């Protein structure tokens, strides 16, 4: 099939590679424009941009698809289908309808739960037992289109980073399966019940509030690992918590209970096991405590 691929972050790269490996012709890859990154703030192409260049695919990075010339350029590719994975730009109706079979999306949840921008993080924060990936036919609404294929996985104690990688691989396989059966795949309308929205993550959400229960805070740690990283501040220094255990102990809220950095929460306690100080690499908590002891009785605010 003649495919237009549209994606930006690492999550989308496995799908791009899987489509090429399956023998489809990717006639162009659309990605968001290069962004300043690193200490030098040099313009950095997106992971999809770099992968497409490696594969010899033409890359297009318009800041918007709303101008008529962009719509015309998209339609001129005469694609059989558009494949979208975390592209990050609004697709006008004219773009959605330009390919023969429209545009298909790799969405990181079991729809209709967690429509929107941050489905993996929201599923972890909510304490969901399972999540997965949905291949859906795109339409004007936000992740409202009919479903073509679903795959599920258990969340368990996976971080957002681990779960995102797993779902990205699942999505790549699922998309290739759907493409192999187009146009014979039977769409399934999304149910009206169970709709939830995965709003974009605000960095302020990553600050740990120790008045919350320990189980919620442990989910918060996993939902924001590796980025932006759940954190607390101590003596003016921000300490990111990348992994933590729930400990069945009680004490004064936000107070360190022992020499292992067990911290009392609104209910129960957590013990960070992997932390990162500002400007330093991630390290085991015990290693940090050898250089920066935090004695029992310390209050963390």
Protein backbone atom coordinates (compact mmCIF):
# COMPACT_ATOMS: atom_id res chain seq x y z
CA UNK A 1 0.00 0.00 0.00
CA UNK A 2 1.01 3.62 -0.47
CA UNK A 3 1.23 4.97 3.08
CA UNK A 4 1.68 8.45 4.50
CA UNK A 5 3.14 8.16 7.99
CA UNK A 6 2.59 10.87 10.60
CA UNK A 7 4.33 10.75 13.97
CA UNK A 8 6.86 12.53 16.16
CA UNK A 9 8.22 10.84 19.35
CA UNK A 10 9.98 7.53 20.05
CA UNK A 11 6.55 5.91 20.56
CA UNK A 12 5.85 6.21 16.83
CA UNK A 13 9.13 4.82 15.49
CA UNK A 14 8.32 1.08 15.88
CA UNK A 15 5.17 1.53 13.80
CA UNK A 16 7.07 3.32 11.03
CA UNK A 17 9.71 0.61 10.91
CA UNK A 18 7.13 -2.20 11.04
CA UNK A 19 5.21 -0.74 8.08
CA UNK A 20 8.39 -0.55 6.01
CA UNK A 21 9.43 -4.08 7.04
CA UNK A 22 6.00 -5.36 5.98
CA UNK A 23 6.69 -4.18 2.45
CA UNK A 24 4.45 -1.12 2.27
CA UNK A 25 5.64 1.98 0.43
CA UNK A 26 5.88 4.96 2.78
CA UNK A 27 5.65 7.84 0.33
CA UNK A 28 6.28 10.54 2.96
CA UNK A 29 6.72 10.91 6.70
CA UNK A 30 5.21 13.92 8.44
CA UNK A 31 6.65 14.98 11.79
CA UNK A 32 6.65 18.08 13.96
CA UNK A 33 9.37 20.61 13.12
CA UNK A 34 12.80 20.32 14.78
CA UNK A 35 12.86 21.80 18.29
CA UNK A 36 15.69 23.37 20.35
CA UNK A 37 17.19 20.76 22.69
CA UNK A 38 20.23 20.22 24.89
CA UNK A 39 22.45 22.76 26.53
CA UNK A 40 23.26 24.44 23.23
CA UNK A 41 19.56 24.63 22.29
CA UNK A 42 20.36 23.44 18.80
CA UNK A 43 17.46 22.41 16.60
CA UNK A 44 16.94 18.67 17.01
CA UNK A 45 14.87 16.60 14.55
CA UNK A 46 12.26 14.34 16.11
CA UNK A 47 12.85 10.57 16.51
CA UNK A 48 10.46 9.90 13.60
CA UNK A 49 12.28 12.48 11.45
CA UNK A 50 15.61 10.75 12.10
CA UNK A 51 14.21 7.25 11.54
CA UNK A 52 12.55 8.27 8.27
CA UNK A 53 15.78 9.82 7.00
CA UNK A 54 17.62 6.60 7.86
CA UNK A 55 15.01 4.65 5.86
CA UNK A 56 15.31 6.99 2.88
CA UNK A 57 11.81 8.40 3.26
CA UNK A 58 10.95 11.99 2.40
CA UNK A 59 10.29 13.99 5.58
CA UNK A 60 7.87 16.90 5.79
CA UNK A 61 7.68 19.11 8.89
CA UNK A 62 5.01 21.77 8.38
CA UNK A 63 4.11 23.71 11.55
CA UNK A 64 0.44 23.33 10.59
CA UNK A 65 -1.67 21.41 8.09
CA UNK A 66 -4.40 24.05 7.97
CA UNK A 67 -3.05 26.10 5.01
CA UNK A 68 -4.61 25.05 1.71
CA UNK A 69 -1.22 24.48 0.12
CA UNK A 70 -0.40 21.91 2.81
CA UNK A 71 -3.72 20.12 2.26
CA UNK A 72 -3.07 20.07 -1.48
CA UNK A 73 0.47 18.75 -1.02
CA UNK A 74 -0.83 15.97 1.24
CA UNK A 75 -3.58 14.97 -1.22
CA UNK A 76 -1.10 14.99 -4.12
CA UNK A 77 0.71 12.02 -2.58
CA UNK A 78 -2.22 9.82 -3.69
CA UNK A 79 -1.92 7.57 -0.65
CA UNK A 80 -3.98 4.49 0.04
CA UNK A 81 -3.94 5.20 3.78
CA UNK A 82 -2.52 7.57 6.37
CA UNK A 83 -1.02 6.07 9.53
CA UNK A 84 -0.81 8.34 12.57
CA UNK A 85 1.06 7.66 15.83
CA UNK A 86 1.46 10.50 18.32
CA UNK A 87 1.88 13.13 15.61
CA UNK A 88 0.86 16.03 17.82
CA UNK A 89 -0.78 18.29 15.22
CA UNK A 90 -4.46 18.71 14.39
CA UNK A 91 -5.47 16.98 11.15
CA UNK A 92 -8.08 18.92 9.15
CA UNK A 93 -10.98 16.95 7.71
CA UNK A 94 -9.55 17.39 4.22
CA UNK A 95 -6.37 15.61 5.35
CA UNK A 96 -8.28 12.84 7.16
CA UNK A 97 -10.28 12.12 4.03
CA UNK A 98 -7.54 12.46 1.40
CA UNK A 99 -6.19 8.86 1.41
CA UNK A 100 -8.39 6.17 -0.15
CA UNK A 101 -8.92 4.45 3.22
CA UNK A 102 -8.62 7.58 5.35
CA UNK A 103 -6.27 7.87 8.31
CA UNK A 104 -5.68 5.22 10.99
CA UNK A 105 -4.36 6.01 14.46
CA UNK A 106 -2.28 4.03 16.98
CA UNK A 107 -3.74 5.06 20.34
CA UNK A 108 -2.16 3.98 23.62
CA UNK A 109 -5.26 2.84 25.53
CA UNK A 110 -8.31 0.62 25.23
CA UNK A 111 -10.84 3.08 23.90
CA UNK A 112 -13.10 4.73 24.88
CA UNK A 113 -11.14 4.90 28.17
CA UNK A 114 -8.41 7.53 28.15
CA UNK A 115 -8.99 9.43 24.96
CA UNK A 116 -6.51 12.27 24.64
CA UNK A 117 -2.88 13.20 25.08
CA UNK A 118 -1.53 11.17 28.03
CA UNK A 119 -3.32 7.81 28.17
CA UNK A 120 -0.42 5.80 29.61
CA UNK A 121 0.24 8.16 32.52
CA UNK A 122 -3.46 8.56 33.33
CA UNK A 123 -4.03 4.81 33.37
CA UNK A 124 -1.19 4.33 35.87
CA UNK A 125 -2.32 7.23 38.07
CA UNK A 126 -5.87 5.89 38.17
CA UNK A 127 -4.70 2.47 39.31
CA UNK A 128 -6.06 0.68 36.23
CA UNK A 129 -5.19 -3.01 36.13
CA UNK A 130 -4.92 -3.18 32.35
CA UNK A 131 -4.40 -0.95 29.35
CA UNK A 132 -3.28 -1.53 25.79
CA UNK A 133 -3.52 -0.16 22.29
CA UNK A 134 -6.37 0.57 19.89
CA UNK A 135 -6.10 0.96 16.14
CA UNK A 136 -8.88 3.35 15.18
CA UNK A 137 -10.24 5.09 12.12
CA UNK A 138 -9.70 8.81 12.62
CA UNK A 139 -12.49 11.35 12.37
CA UNK A 140 -12.96 14.97 13.40
CA UNK A 141 -13.58 14.25 17.12
CA UNK A 142 -10.83 13.60 19.69
CA UNK A 143 -10.16 9.85 19.53
CA UNK A 144 -13.83 9.17 18.84
CA UNK A 145 -13.53 7.12 15.65
CA UNK A 146 -14.50 3.48 15.15
CA UNK A 147 -12.10 0.82 16.42
CA UNK A 148 -10.42 -1.68 14.11
CA UNK A 149 -8.26 -3.73 16.48
CA UNK A 150 -7.45 -3.81 20.21
CA UNK A 151 -4.62 -5.41 22.17
CA UNK A 152 -4.33 -5.44 25.98
CA UNK A 153 -1.59 -5.75 28.59
CA UNK A 154 -1.42 -5.72 32.39
CA UNK A 155 0.03 -2.59 34.01
CA UNK A 156 1.35 -4.23 37.20
CA UNK A 157 4.32 -2.19 38.49
CA UNK A 158 5.49 -0.87 35.14
CA UNK A 159 6.64 2.72 34.80
CA UNK A 160 5.22 4.98 32.13
CA UNK A 161 8.45 4.58 30.19
CA UNK A 162 8.31 0.79 30.29
CA UNK A 163 4.61 0.68 29.48
CA UNK A 164 4.97 3.15 26.61
CA UNK A 165 7.71 1.01 25.02
CA UNK A 166 5.56 -2.11 25.37
CA UNK A 167 2.48 -0.45 23.90
CA UNK A 168 4.53 1.04 21.06
CA UNK A 169 5.66 -2.45 20.04
CA UNK A 170 2.10 -3.80 20.37
CA UNK A 171 0.76 -0.93 18.30
CA UNK A 172 3.28 -1.54 15.53
CA UNK A 173 2.26 -5.20 15.24
CA UNK A 174 -1.44 -4.33 15.41
CA UNK A 175 -1.18 -1.66 12.71
CA UNK A 176 0.62 -4.03 10.32
CA UNK A 177 -2.12 -6.62 10.93
CA UNK A 178 -4.84 -4.07 10.16
CA UNK A 179 -3.09 -2.90 6.98
CA UNK A 180 -2.79 -6.50 5.80
CA UNK A 181 -6.57 -6.88 5.97
CA UNK A 182 -7.74 -3.53 4.63
CA UNK A 183 -10.37 -2.92 3.33
CA UNK A 184 -11.98 -6.01 4.89
CA UNK A 185 -11.58 -4.99 8.56
CA UNK A 186 -14.96 -4.47 10.17
CA UNK A 187 -15.05 -1.24 12.24
CA UNK A 188 -16.54 -1.32 15.74
CA UNK A 189 -18.25 1.80 17.03
CA UNK A 190 -16.93 3.03 20.37
CA UNK A 191 -19.40 2.51 23.23
CA UNK A 192 -20.92 5.57 24.86
CA UNK A 193 -20.22 4.24 28.35
CA UNK A 194 -16.77 4.36 29.90
CA UNK A 195 -15.47 7.47 28.16
CA UNK A 196 -12.63 9.19 30.04
CA UNK A 197 -10.13 11.83 28.94
CA UNK A 198 -6.38 11.68 29.43
CA UNK A 199 -5.54 15.35 29.74
CA UNK A 200 -2.00 16.50 28.98
CA UNK A 201 0.40 16.18 31.89
CA UNK A 202 1.16 19.38 33.77
CA UNK A 203 4.65 19.37 35.31
CA UNK A 204 3.12 20.66 38.54
CA UNK A 205 1.43 17.26 38.92
CA UNK A 206 4.84 15.67 39.40
CA UNK A 207 5.38 17.31 42.81
CA UNK A 208 4.75 14.71 45.51
CA UNK A 209 2.09 15.65 48.05
CA UNK A 210 2.80 13.50 51.08
CA UNK A 211 -0.69 14.10 52.47
CA UNK A 212 -1.85 11.64 49.78
CA UNK A 213 -1.87 7.91 50.45
CA UNK A 214 1.29 5.88 49.86
CA UNK A 215 -0.29 3.74 47.13
CA UNK A 216 -1.26 6.82 45.12
CA UNK A 217 2.22 8.30 45.50
CA UNK A 218 3.81 5.04 44.32
CA UNK A 219 1.60 5.21 41.21
CA UNK A 220 2.56 8.86 40.78
CA UNK A 221 6.23 7.87 40.82
CA UNK A 222 5.67 5.25 38.10
CA UNK A 223 3.42 7.51 36.02
CA UNK A 224 6.09 10.21 35.79
CA UNK A 225 9.12 7.95 35.33
CA UNK A 226 11.37 8.62 33.60
CA UNK A 227 9.99 12.06 32.65
CA UNK A 228 9.24 14.54 34.11
CA UNK A 229 9.97 12.57 37.30
CA UNK A 230 7.95 12.79 40.51
CA UNK A 231 9.86 14.93 43.00
CA UNK A 232 10.08 16.49 46.43
CA UNK A 233 12.25 19.34 47.65
CA UNK A 234 14.59 19.23 50.61
CA UNK A 235 16.68 22.19 51.76
CA UNK A 236 15.98 23.93 48.46
CA UNK A 237 17.11 20.98 46.34
CA UNK A 238 14.76 19.08 44.05
CA UNK A 239 15.07 15.29 44.36
CA UNK A 240 13.36 13.19 41.71
CA UNK A 241 11.96 9.81 42.74
CA UNK A 242 12.12 7.27 39.90
CA UNK A 243 11.12 4.15 41.85
CA UNK A 244 9.62 3.57 45.29
CA UNK A 245 8.12 0.85 47.49
CA UNK A 246 4.98 1.12 49.61
CA UNK A 247 5.82 0.44 53.26
CA UNK A 248 3.22 -0.53 55.84
CA UNK A 249 4.21 2.02 58.45
CA UNK A 250 2.59 5.13 59.90
CA UNK A 251 3.97 8.36 61.26
CA UNK A 252 3.71 12.13 61.11
CA UNK A 253 2.89 13.06 57.50
CA UNK A 254 5.89 14.06 55.35
CA UNK A 255 8.37 12.98 58.03
CA UNK A 256 11.34 10.66 57.48
CA UNK A 257 10.87 7.58 59.69
CA UNK A 258 14.29 5.88 59.50
CA UNK A 259 17.75 5.99 57.95
CA UNK A 260 16.47 4.38 54.71
CA UNK A 261 14.42 7.44 53.68
CA UNK A 262 11.06 5.88 54.49
CA UNK A 263 8.63 8.82 54.37
CA UNK A 264 5.26 8.84 56.10
CA UNK A 265 2.31 9.71 53.88
CA UNK A 266 -1.31 10.56 54.59
CA UNK A 267 -1.83 6.82 54.77
CA UNK A 268 1.10 4.39 54.92
CA UNK A 269 4.62 5.29 53.85
CA UNK A 270 6.87 5.11 50.81
CA UNK A 271 10.53 4.29 50.54
CA UNK A 272 12.25 5.70 47.42
CA UNK A 273 14.62 3.14 45.92
CA UNK A 274 15.88 5.06 42.87
CA UNK A 275 16.44 8.82 43.02
CA UNK A 276 18.10 11.62 41.10
CA UNK A 277 19.55 14.81 42.49
CA UNK A 278 19.68 17.93 40.35
CA UNK A 279 22.45 17.71 37.76
CA UNK A 280 23.42 14.15 38.71
CA UNK A 281 22.62 10.70 37.28
CA UNK A 282 19.98 8.45 38.79
CA UNK A 283 21.26 6.36 41.70
CA UNK A 284 20.09 3.91 44.34
CA UNK A 285 18.75 5.71 47.40
CA UNK A 286 21.32 4.08 49.66
CA UNK A 287 24.10 5.52 47.48
CA UNK A 288 22.60 9.00 47.71
CA UNK A 289 22.26 8.72 51.48
CA UNK A 290 25.96 7.93 51.87
CA UNK A 291 26.76 11.35 50.41
CA UNK A 292 23.70 13.18 51.71
CA UNK A 293 22.34 11.65 54.93
CA UNK A 294 18.69 12.45 55.64
CA UNK A 295 18.10 11.49 59.28
CA UNK A 296 14.89 10.22 60.82
CA UNK A 297 12.67 13.07 61.93
CA UNK A 298 13.47 15.25 58.90
CA UNK A 299 10.35 16.99 57.60
CA UNK A 300 9.90 17.10 53.83
CA UNK A 301 7.72 19.84 52.39
